[in-house]
Protein backbone atom coordinates (compact mmCIF):
# COMPACT_ATOMS: atom_id res chain seq x y z
CA MET A 1 -4.96 -15.84 -8.48
CA ALA A 2 -2.45 -13.29 -9.74
CA GLU A 3 0.10 -14.49 -12.26
CA PRO A 4 3.56 -14.33 -10.63
CA VAL A 5 6.09 -11.88 -11.99
CA LEU A 6 9.01 -13.10 -14.08
CA SER A 7 12.07 -14.31 -12.18
CA SER A 8 14.09 -11.40 -13.53
CA THR A 9 11.44 -8.96 -12.32
CA ALA A 10 11.34 -10.66 -8.93
CA ARG A 11 15.06 -10.09 -8.49
CA LEU A 12 14.70 -6.44 -9.45
CA LEU A 13 11.89 -5.94 -6.92
CA LEU A 14 13.76 -7.85 -4.23
CA ALA A 15 16.92 -5.83 -4.77
CA ARG A 16 15.03 -2.56 -4.29
CA THR A 17 13.19 -3.86 -1.23
CA ALA A 18 16.38 -5.19 0.36
CA ARG A 19 18.20 -1.89 -0.14
CA VAL A 20 15.32 0.14 1.34
CA GLN A 21 15.19 -2.14 4.40
CA ARG A 22 18.96 -2.00 4.93
CA ASP A 23 19.47 1.70 4.23
CA GLY A 24 16.37 2.65 6.19
CA ARG A 25 17.39 0.37 9.08
CA ALA A 26 13.92 -1.09 9.41
CA PRO A 27 13.82 -3.99 11.90
CA SER A 28 11.54 -5.72 9.42
CA LEU A 29 9.87 -4.83 6.14
CA VAL A 30 7.40 -6.64 3.91
CA ALA A 31 6.44 -5.52 0.41
CA GLY A 32 4.57 -6.72 -2.63
CA VAL A 33 3.14 -5.83 -6.01
CA VAL A 34 -0.46 -6.40 -7.03
CA ARG A 35 -2.11 -7.20 -10.33
CA ASP A 36 -5.00 -9.40 -11.46
CA GLY A 37 -6.66 -9.04 -8.06
CA GLY A 38 -3.84 -10.26 -5.82
CA LEU A 39 -0.18 -10.32 -4.91
CA ALA A 40 1.98 -11.16 -7.91
CA TRP A 41 5.18 -10.91 -5.87
CA SER A 42 6.08 -10.33 -2.24
CA ALA A 43 9.05 -10.52 0.07
CA GLY A 44 9.98 -10.04 3.71
CA ARG A 45 13.29 -8.62 4.88
CA GLY A 46 14.76 -8.40 8.36
CA ALA A 47 13.28 -10.03 11.45
CA VAL A 48 9.94 -11.10 9.98
CA PRO A 49 8.63 -14.66 10.40
CA GLU A 50 7.19 -16.68 7.55
CA PRO A 51 4.73 -16.52 6.04
CA HIS A 52 5.63 -12.84 5.79
CA THR A 53 2.29 -12.11 4.12
CA ASP A 54 0.43 -13.00 7.36
CA VAL A 55 2.22 -10.74 9.87
CA GLN A 56 0.25 -7.72 11.04
CA TYR A 57 1.66 -4.18 10.96
CA ARG A 58 -0.05 -0.89 11.75
CA LEU A 59 -1.60 0.84 8.76
CA GLY A 60 -1.72 4.32 10.23
CA SER A 61 -3.50 6.76 7.95
CA ILE A 62 -4.49 4.12 5.42
CA SER A 63 -7.30 3.69 7.98
CA LYS A 64 -8.63 7.03 6.71
CA THR A 65 -9.37 5.53 3.31
CA VAL A 66 -11.32 2.69 4.94
CA THR A 67 -13.27 5.27 6.94
CA ALA A 68 -13.99 7.26 3.79
CA VAL A 69 -15.43 4.17 2.08
CA VAL A 70 -18.07 3.83 4.82
CA VAL A 71 -18.89 7.56 4.66
CA LEU A 72 -19.44 7.26 0.91
CA ARG A 73 -21.59 4.17 1.43
CA LEU A 74 -23.78 6.32 3.68
CA ARG A 75 -23.94 8.93 0.93
CA ASP A 76 -24.83 6.35 -1.71
CA GLU A 77 -27.62 5.07 0.56
CA GLY A 78 -29.07 8.58 0.77
CA LEU A 79 -28.38 8.96 4.48
CA LEU A 80 -26.23 12.04 3.99
CA ARG A 81 -24.81 14.34 1.32
CA LEU A 82 -21.25 15.48 0.96
CA ASP A 83 -22.51 19.07 1.08
CA ASP A 84 -24.26 18.51 4.41
CA PRO A 85 -22.89 20.60 7.28
CA LEU A 86 -21.39 18.41 9.99
CA GLU A 87 -23.84 19.86 12.52
CA ARG A 88 -26.67 18.00 10.80
CA HIS A 89 -25.15 14.63 11.66
CA LEU A 90 -22.74 15.37 14.52
CA PRO A 91 -24.01 18.36 16.51
CA GLY A 92 -22.06 20.30 19.08
CA THR A 93 -18.58 20.55 17.52
CA PRO A 94 -16.70 23.70 16.48
CA PHE A 95 -16.92 22.44 12.89
CA GLY A 96 -20.69 22.48 12.55
CA ASP A 97 -20.66 24.71 9.45
CA ARG A 98 -18.00 22.62 7.67
CA THR A 99 -19.25 19.97 5.26
CA VAL A 100 -18.77 16.24 5.21
CA GLY A 101 -17.01 16.53 1.85
CA GLN A 102 -14.61 19.16 3.19
CA LEU A 103 -13.64 16.86 6.06
CA LEU A 104 -13.06 13.97 3.64
CA SER A 105 -10.77 16.14 1.50
CA HIS A 106 -8.93 17.94 4.35
CA LEU A 107 -10.52 21.23 3.29
CA ALA A 108 -12.47 21.90 6.50
CA GLY A 109 -9.74 23.97 8.19
CA ALA A 110 -9.56 21.56 11.12
CA SER A 111 -6.45 21.39 13.26
CA ALA A 112 -3.95 18.78 12.10
CA GLU A 113 -4.01 17.02 15.49
CA SER A 114 -6.61 16.55 18.21
CA PRO A 115 -6.45 18.62 21.40
CA GLY A 116 -4.71 17.20 24.46
CA GLY A 117 -1.76 14.83 24.40
CA TRP A 118 -0.31 13.50 21.14
CA TRP A 119 -3.06 11.10 20.18
CA GLU A 120 -0.71 8.62 18.47
CA ARG A 121 1.18 7.90 21.72
CA THR A 122 -1.51 8.36 24.38
CA PRO A 123 -4.72 6.38 25.00
CA GLY A 124 -7.82 7.96 23.50
CA GLY A 125 -11.29 8.59 24.84
CA THR A 126 -14.69 9.75 23.66
CA LEU A 127 -15.56 12.73 21.50
CA ASP A 128 -16.58 14.73 24.58
CA GLU A 129 -13.30 13.90 26.29
CA LEU A 130 -11.37 15.52 23.42
CA GLY A 131 -12.50 18.89 24.72
CA MET A 132 -12.53 20.61 21.34
CA ALA A 133 -12.68 24.40 21.24
CA ASP A 134 -12.96 27.13 18.65
CA SER A 135 -9.16 27.23 18.55
CA ASP A 136 -9.21 23.82 16.83
CA VAL A 137 -10.62 25.60 13.76
CA VAL A 138 -7.40 26.90 12.27
CA LEU A 139 -8.45 27.88 8.72
CA GLY A 140 -11.54 29.01 6.86
CA ALA A 141 -13.69 26.45 5.12
CA ALA A 142 -12.42 25.41 1.68
CA ARG A 143 -9.60 27.96 1.98
CA ARG A 144 -6.74 25.51 1.44
CA PHE A 145 -5.69 21.90 1.90
CA HIS A 146 -4.69 21.23 5.51
CA TYR A 147 -4.20 17.59 6.50
CA SER A 148 -6.26 16.85 9.59
CA ASN A 149 -6.26 13.73 11.73
CA LEU A 150 -8.89 15.43 13.88
CA GLY A 151 -11.20 15.73 10.89
CA PHE A 152 -11.16 11.99 10.32
CA GLY A 153 -11.74 11.36 14.00
CA LEU A 154 -14.96 13.36 13.56
CA LEU A 155 -15.87 11.33 10.46
CA GLY A 156 -15.38 8.12 12.44
CA GLU A 157 -17.80 9.39 15.07
CA LEU A 158 -20.26 10.34 12.31
CA VAL A 159 -20.08 6.76 11.00
CA ALA A 160 -20.67 5.36 14.47
CA ARG A 161 -23.76 7.50 15.08
CA GLN A 162 -25.23 6.85 11.64
CA ARG A 163 -24.77 3.09 11.96
CA GLY A 164 -25.62 2.82 15.64
CA ARG A 165 -22.46 0.87 16.40
CA SER A 166 -18.77 1.59 16.89
CA TRP A 167 -16.50 2.71 14.08
CA GLU A 168 -14.59 -0.56 14.40
CA GLU A 169 -17.76 -2.63 14.01
CA ALA A 170 -18.92 -0.56 11.05
CA VAL A 171 -15.70 -0.79 9.03
CA THR A 172 -15.31 -4.48 9.80
CA ALA A 173 -18.83 -5.35 8.70
CA GLU A 174 -18.99 -3.04 5.67
CA VAL A 175 -15.46 -3.05 4.24
CA LEU A 176 -13.04 -5.54 5.77
CA ALA A 177 -15.23 -8.65 5.94
CA PRO A 178 -16.79 -8.29 2.46
CA LEU A 179 -13.31 -7.81 0.94
CA GLY A 180 -12.00 -10.90 2.71
CA MET A 181 -9.58 -8.86 4.86
CA SER A 182 -9.94 -11.20 7.82
CA ARG A 183 -6.48 -10.37 9.19
CA THR A 184 -7.19 -6.65 9.49
CA SER A 185 -8.25 -5.47 12.95
CA PRO A 186 -8.27 -2.42 15.21
CA ARG A 187 -5.74 -3.98 17.60
CA PRO A 188 -2.90 -6.43 16.89
CA VAL A 189 -3.69 -10.12 16.57
CA ALA A 190 -0.66 -12.44 16.53
CA PRO A 191 1.48 -12.86 14.57
CA ALA A 192 2.07 -9.10 14.66
CA ALA A 193 5.23 -7.02 14.43
CA GLU A 194 6.34 -4.91 17.37
CA GLY A 195 6.80 -1.23 16.70
CA TRP A 196 10.30 0.16 17.12
CA ALA A 197 12.05 3.51 17.10
CA VAL A 198 15.58 3.22 15.70
CA HIS A 199 18.20 5.50 17.25
CA PRO A 200 19.44 8.06 14.70
CA TRP A 201 23.15 7.63 15.60
CA ALA A 202 23.37 3.96 16.63
CA ASP A 203 21.93 0.63 15.57
CA VAL A 204 19.78 0.23 18.67
CA VAL A 205 16.00 0.21 19.01
CA LEU A 206 13.36 1.33 21.50
CA PRO A 207 9.82 -0.11 21.74
CA GLU A 208 6.98 2.25 20.78
CA PRO A 209 3.68 2.21 22.71
CA GLU A 210 0.45 0.76 21.34
CA HIS A 211 -3.03 1.56 22.61
CA HIS A 212 -6.58 2.24 21.50
CA ALA A 213 -6.92 5.74 20.09
CA GLY A 214 -10.56 6.13 21.10
CA VAL A 215 -12.48 8.55 18.92
CA MET A 216 -9.31 9.15 16.89
CA ALA A 217 -9.21 5.49 15.81
CA ALA A 218 -10.72 6.30 12.42
CA ALA A 219 -7.61 8.34 11.60
CA GLY A 220 -5.06 5.57 12.09
CA GLN A 221 -6.05 2.59 14.25
CA LEU A 222 -6.06 -0.39 11.88
CA TRP A 223 -3.52 -3.23 11.70
CA ALA A 224 -3.25 -5.44 8.60
CA THR A 225 -1.13 -8.08 6.92
CA LEU A 226 0.55 -7.70 3.56
CA ALA A 227 -1.97 -10.10 2.03
CA ASP A 228 -4.89 -8.00 3.29
CA LEU A 229 -3.28 -4.74 2.18
CA GLY A 230 -2.80 -6.32 -1.24
CA ARG A 231 -6.53 -7.06 -1.31
CA PHE A 232 -7.21 -3.41 -0.52
CA ALA A 233 -4.95 -2.39 -3.40
CA ALA A 234 -7.07 -4.60 -5.66
CA PHE A 235 -10.12 -2.74 -4.32
CA LEU A 236 -8.55 0.60 -5.28
CA LEU A 237 -7.88 -0.84 -8.75
CA GLY A 238 -11.60 -1.45 -9.21
CA ASP A 239 -12.29 -4.87 -7.67
CA THR A 240 -14.85 -3.33 -5.34
CA GLY A 241 -17.21 -6.30 -5.04
CA GLU A 242 -20.39 -5.27 -3.25
CA VAL A 243 -18.58 -2.77 -1.02
CA LEU A 244 -18.74 0.32 -3.21
CA ASP A 245 -20.14 1.30 -6.57
CA PRO A 246 -17.29 1.61 -9.10
CA ALA A 247 -18.51 5.10 -9.99
CA THR A 248 -18.14 6.12 -6.34
CA LEU A 249 -14.61 4.75 -6.26
CA GLU A 250 -13.87 6.82 -9.34
CA GLU A 251 -15.30 9.86 -7.55
CA MET A 252 -12.95 9.25 -4.63
CA THR A 253 -9.92 9.59 -6.90
CA VAL A 254 -10.80 13.01 -8.32
CA PRO A 255 -8.50 15.63 -6.71
CA ALA A 256 -10.28 18.11 -4.48
CA GLY A 257 -7.57 19.67 -2.36
CA VAL A 258 -4.06 20.35 -3.67
CA ASP A 259 -1.15 19.86 -1.30
CA SER A 260 0.96 22.85 -2.27
CA SER A 261 3.74 21.82 0.12
CA ALA A 262 4.50 18.65 -1.81
CA SER A 263 7.44 18.42 -4.18
CA GLY A 264 5.70 17.80 -7.46
CA TRP A 265 2.04 17.27 -8.15
CA SER A 266 0.13 16.03 -5.11
CA ALA A 267 -3.53 16.27 -4.23
CA TYR A 268 -6.25 14.67 -2.12
CA GLY A 269 -9.58 13.26 -3.23
CA LEU A 270 -12.20 11.80 -0.90
CA GLY A 271 -10.10 9.86 1.60
CA VAL A 272 -7.29 9.07 -0.86
CA GLN A 273 -4.05 10.71 -1.88
CA VAL A 274 -3.62 11.40 -5.60
CA VAL A 275 -0.02 11.99 -6.68
CA ARG A 276 1.82 12.46 -9.94
CA VAL A 277 5.08 10.50 -10.08
CA ASP A 278 7.20 10.15 -13.22
CA GLY A 279 4.29 11.10 -15.44
CA ARG A 280 1.91 8.61 -13.79
CA THR A 281 -1.12 9.44 -11.64
CA LEU A 282 -1.11 7.16 -8.58
CA VAL A 283 -3.91 6.73 -6.05
CA GLY A 284 -3.69 5.39 -2.52
CA HIS A 285 -2.46 6.43 0.90
CA GLY A 286 0.60 6.41 3.08
CA GLY A 287 0.50 5.65 6.77
CA SER A 288 2.62 6.18 9.85
CA MET A 289 2.19 5.56 13.53
CA PRO A 290 4.88 5.40 16.22
CA GLY A 291 6.84 2.29 15.31
CA PHE A 292 5.31 1.73 11.88
CA LEU A 293 5.28 2.95 8.28
CA ALA A 294 2.92 1.74 5.55
CA GLY A 295 1.98 2.46 1.96
CA VAL A 296 -0.53 1.34 -0.66
CA PHE A 297 -0.65 2.99 -4.07
CA VAL A 298 -2.05 1.85 -7.39
CA ASP A 299 -1.61 2.84 -11.02
CA ARG A 300 -5.17 2.53 -12.27
CA GLU A 301 -4.14 2.91 -15.91
CA GLU A 302 -1.49 0.20 -15.66
CA ARG A 303 -3.77 -1.90 -13.39
CA THR A 304 -1.02 -2.54 -10.90
CA GLY A 305 -0.45 -1.73 -7.25
CA ALA A 306 2.29 -1.84 -4.64
CA VAL A 307 2.14 -2.30 -0.87
CA SER A 308 4.70 -2.08 1.91
CA LEU A 309 4.77 -2.34 5.69
CA ALA A 310 7.67 -1.68 8.08
CA ASN A 311 8.04 -1.53 11.86
CA ALA A 312 10.13 1.63 12.21
CA THR A 313 8.98 5.08 13.28
CA SER A 314 10.96 6.90 10.59
CA GLY A 315 13.91 6.73 8.23
CA VAL A 316 12.53 4.26 5.67
CA ASP A 317 12.27 5.77 2.20
CA PRO A 318 8.95 5.34 0.36
CA LEU A 319 9.11 1.99 -1.41
CA VAL A 320 5.83 1.58 -3.28
CA PHE A 321 6.53 4.18 -5.97
CA GLY A 322 9.79 2.50 -6.88
CA LEU A 323 8.19 -0.94 -6.98
CA LEU A 324 5.51 0.33 -9.36
CA ALA A 325 8.14 1.87 -11.61
CA ASP A 326 10.19 -1.34 -11.61
CA LEU A 327 7.17 -3.46 -12.46
CA ARG A 328 6.05 -1.10 -15.22
CA GLY A 329 9.53 -1.06 -16.74
CA ALA A 330 10.09 -4.81 -16.55
CA GLU A 331 6.60 -6.04 -17.38
CA PRO A 332 4.54 -3.25 -18.96
CA ARG A 333 0.87 -4.01 -19.35
CA VAL A 334 -0.10 -5.24 -22.79
CA VAL A 335 -3.23 -3.27 -23.63
CA GLU A 336 -6.30 -4.78 -25.21
CA PRO A 337 -6.37 -4.71 -29.00
CA TRP A 338 -8.33 -1.99 -30.70
CA ALA A 339 -11.52 -3.13 -32.37
CA PRO A 340 -14.27 -1.24 -34.19
CA SER A 341 -17.29 -0.20 -32.16
CA PRO A 342 -20.48 1.64 -33.08
CA SER A 343 -20.57 5.41 -32.72
CA PRO A 344 -23.05 6.70 -30.12
CA VAL A 345 -24.02 9.53 -32.51
CA SER A 346 -24.19 9.86 -36.28
CA LEU A 347 -20.86 10.17 -38.05
CA GLU A 348 -22.03 13.50 -39.47
CA THR A 349 -22.15 14.89 -35.92
CA LEU A 350 -18.51 14.10 -35.28
CA GLY A 351 -15.54 16.09 -36.49
CA VAL A 352 -14.50 19.72 -36.29
CA TRP A 353 -16.62 22.33 -34.49
CA PHE A 354 -15.61 25.90 -33.71
CA TRP A 355 -15.87 27.75 -30.42
CA GLY A 356 -15.64 31.24 -31.88
CA PRO A 357 -12.57 31.00 -34.13
CA ALA A 358 -10.97 28.09 -32.19
CA PRO A 359 -11.27 24.64 -33.79
CA TYR A 360 -12.35 21.70 -31.60
CA VAL A 361 -12.92 18.04 -32.43
CA LEU A 362 -15.87 15.96 -31.29
CA ARG A 363 -14.89 12.28 -31.30
CA ALA A 364 -16.52 9.01 -30.29
CA VAL A 365 -14.33 7.15 -27.79
CA ALA A 366 -14.43 3.79 -26.04
CA GLY A 367 -17.35 3.00 -23.78
CA GLY A 368 -19.98 4.85 -25.79
CA LEU A 369 -18.58 8.23 -24.74
CA LEU A 370 -17.92 11.46 -26.62
CA HIS A 371 -14.78 13.57 -26.27
CA LEU A 372 -14.68 17.26 -27.10
CA GLY A 373 -11.28 18.89 -27.16
CA PRO A 374 -8.95 21.15 -29.13
CA LEU A 375 -7.17 20.04 -32.27
CA PRO A 376 -3.92 18.15 -31.56
CA GLY A 377 -1.11 20.58 -30.86
CA ARG A 378 -3.46 23.31 -29.66
CA SER A 379 -4.34 24.21 -26.08
CA GLY A 380 -7.89 24.37 -24.83
CA ARG A 381 -10.54 22.80 -22.65
CA ALA A 382 -11.37 19.13 -23.02
CA SER A 383 -13.89 16.76 -21.47
CA ARG A 384 -15.52 13.39 -21.97
CA PHE A 385 -19.31 13.06 -22.01
CA THR A 386 -21.75 10.24 -21.34
CA ARG A 387 -25.30 10.07 -22.69
CA ARG A 388 -28.22 10.76 -20.40
CA ASP A 389 -31.62 9.15 -20.80
CA ASP A 390 -33.09 12.43 -22.09
CA GLY A 391 -30.62 12.54 -25.00
CA THR A 392 -28.32 15.16 -23.50
CA TRP A 393 -24.72 14.45 -22.56
CA LEU A 394 -23.12 14.83 -19.11
CA GLY A 395 -19.52 16.03 -18.70
CA LEU A 396 -17.41 13.49 -16.84
CA ASP A 397 -14.09 15.27 -16.37
CA GLY A 398 -12.03 18.28 -17.29
CA TYR A 399 -13.42 21.81 -17.50
CA PHE A 400 -16.95 20.68 -18.35
CA ALA A 401 -17.33 18.05 -15.60
CA GLY A 402 -20.97 18.05 -14.47
CA GLU A 403 -22.08 20.31 -17.33
CA THR A 404 -24.66 19.44 -20.00
CA LEU A 405 -23.90 19.12 -23.71
CA ARG A 406 -26.84 19.45 -26.13
CA ILE A 407 -26.33 18.48 -29.75
CA ALA A 408 -28.28 20.17 -32.55
CA ASP A 409 -27.85 19.85 -36.28
CA ASP A 410 -26.02 23.15 -36.69
CA HIS A 411 -24.46 23.73 -33.26
CA LEU A 412 -23.41 22.32 -29.93
CA ASP A 413 -24.73 24.01 -26.79
CA LEU A 414 -22.43 23.51 -23.79
CA ASP A 415 -22.92 25.56 -20.63
CA THR A 416 -23.73 28.75 -22.64
CA PHE A 417 -20.85 28.06 -25.06
CA VAL A 418 -22.03 27.51 -28.63
CA PHE A 419 -19.88 25.51 -31.04
CA THR A 420 -20.62 25.93 -34.75
CA ARG A 421 -19.55 24.16 -37.93
CA THR A 422 -17.78 27.24 -39.23
CA PRO A 423 -16.20 30.03 -37.15
CA TYR A 424 -19.01 32.24 -35.85
CA ASP A 425 -21.59 30.77 -38.20
CA PRO A 426 -24.20 33.55 -38.68
CA GLN A 427 -26.93 30.90 -39.14
CA ALA A 428 -26.33 29.44 -35.66
CA PRO A 429 -27.44 30.94 -32.31
CA VAL A 430 -24.08 32.47 -31.45
CA PRO A 431 -24.29 34.41 -28.16
CA GLY A 432 -24.16 38.11 -28.85
CA GLY A 433 -24.85 37.55 -32.55
CA VAL A 434 -22.43 37.83 -35.48
CA ASP A 435 -21.50 41.12 -37.15
CA GLU A 436 -23.63 41.27 -40.31
CA ARG A 437 -20.68 42.56 -42.34
CA GLY A 438 -18.94 39.24 -41.79
CA TRP A 439 -15.25 38.49 -41.85
CA ARG A 440 -13.02 41.21 -43.33
């Protein structure tokens, strides 16, 4: 049970939510903040019945993140690799040479939308009924980020064929049910909000259609309540239960494709958006379908999340980023106290090493890790490393992610780079050797 926010914080959050609902002219809007595994505050504004946390709204593209979780479960089970060409698991499409990982990261060059009528407002059919052609391949593989609903429709079909059941059945059994998201479903289950388009020049509304998207369902079909979306935010914060290995969740959040059209820093990992807002890196996904807007984003460092759902096609400003900023400002997380911990290597190994003439520092950091980076105030490459069973160290992030660090008494060997205790130590195996005349 999440500890409720302070009354002063609640008013701050409510004031922001109320203004967004009014200014955005949303027929109804529900929003909440998440910490300690659940909703710490929530509110409903407009024509929303109580309890507002139990009214379904469409999630739109947040469905993509749920789809990605099942794809990564398949990978973790050894049933596929992210580098596998799609043809190996879903033959007969124009994207056979594009990889599963490229589809997850919107790097496969697939058309943004599926062929035929606008899939969000017309009933969908099978993969064959899409009638894909070579023209649906609009960019080269891994050339650039290009958001693709079609790509996630293909991933949903891949899930269905691997599991031998529909996409809906797979995500329900493997993600929604284990997380306790019992009020999340492919089609609306009452109480559910009706989707509306709001006229741009008058305060009148028009109903939006709702249907099954067929093979495109994996890109945006799901409906959920605020309570369930809050549970999914807790999942993104690390409360993964038995659904996904925490290391795989961490892998999802690593940027792969950069959205160069975004104002500011914005990227995409494996089924999640990764954005930089006010100096914070936030992970989650936005969603829109005709009649609905949704958002779930978390600050993994602050261990907080924000969720919002509205039944308007457009016009509602993003709310979750502001809620996270308000919560962080009003009730910043109190970090755990520092305490001594044993070094994973001898103290003599730590300290200053030189890559050529450039000084670097090898430090022991929390979690039994090592960090190698430039001296404070200097620029340079930096990475954390975790120990392997064979005594070597694996790069976790930064420039040396995936690379191997080997520690010797007189040097560090890192992906052909040799770090020495003094600049270009002639006694160490410096690549290319050291001029025998020395420094002069």
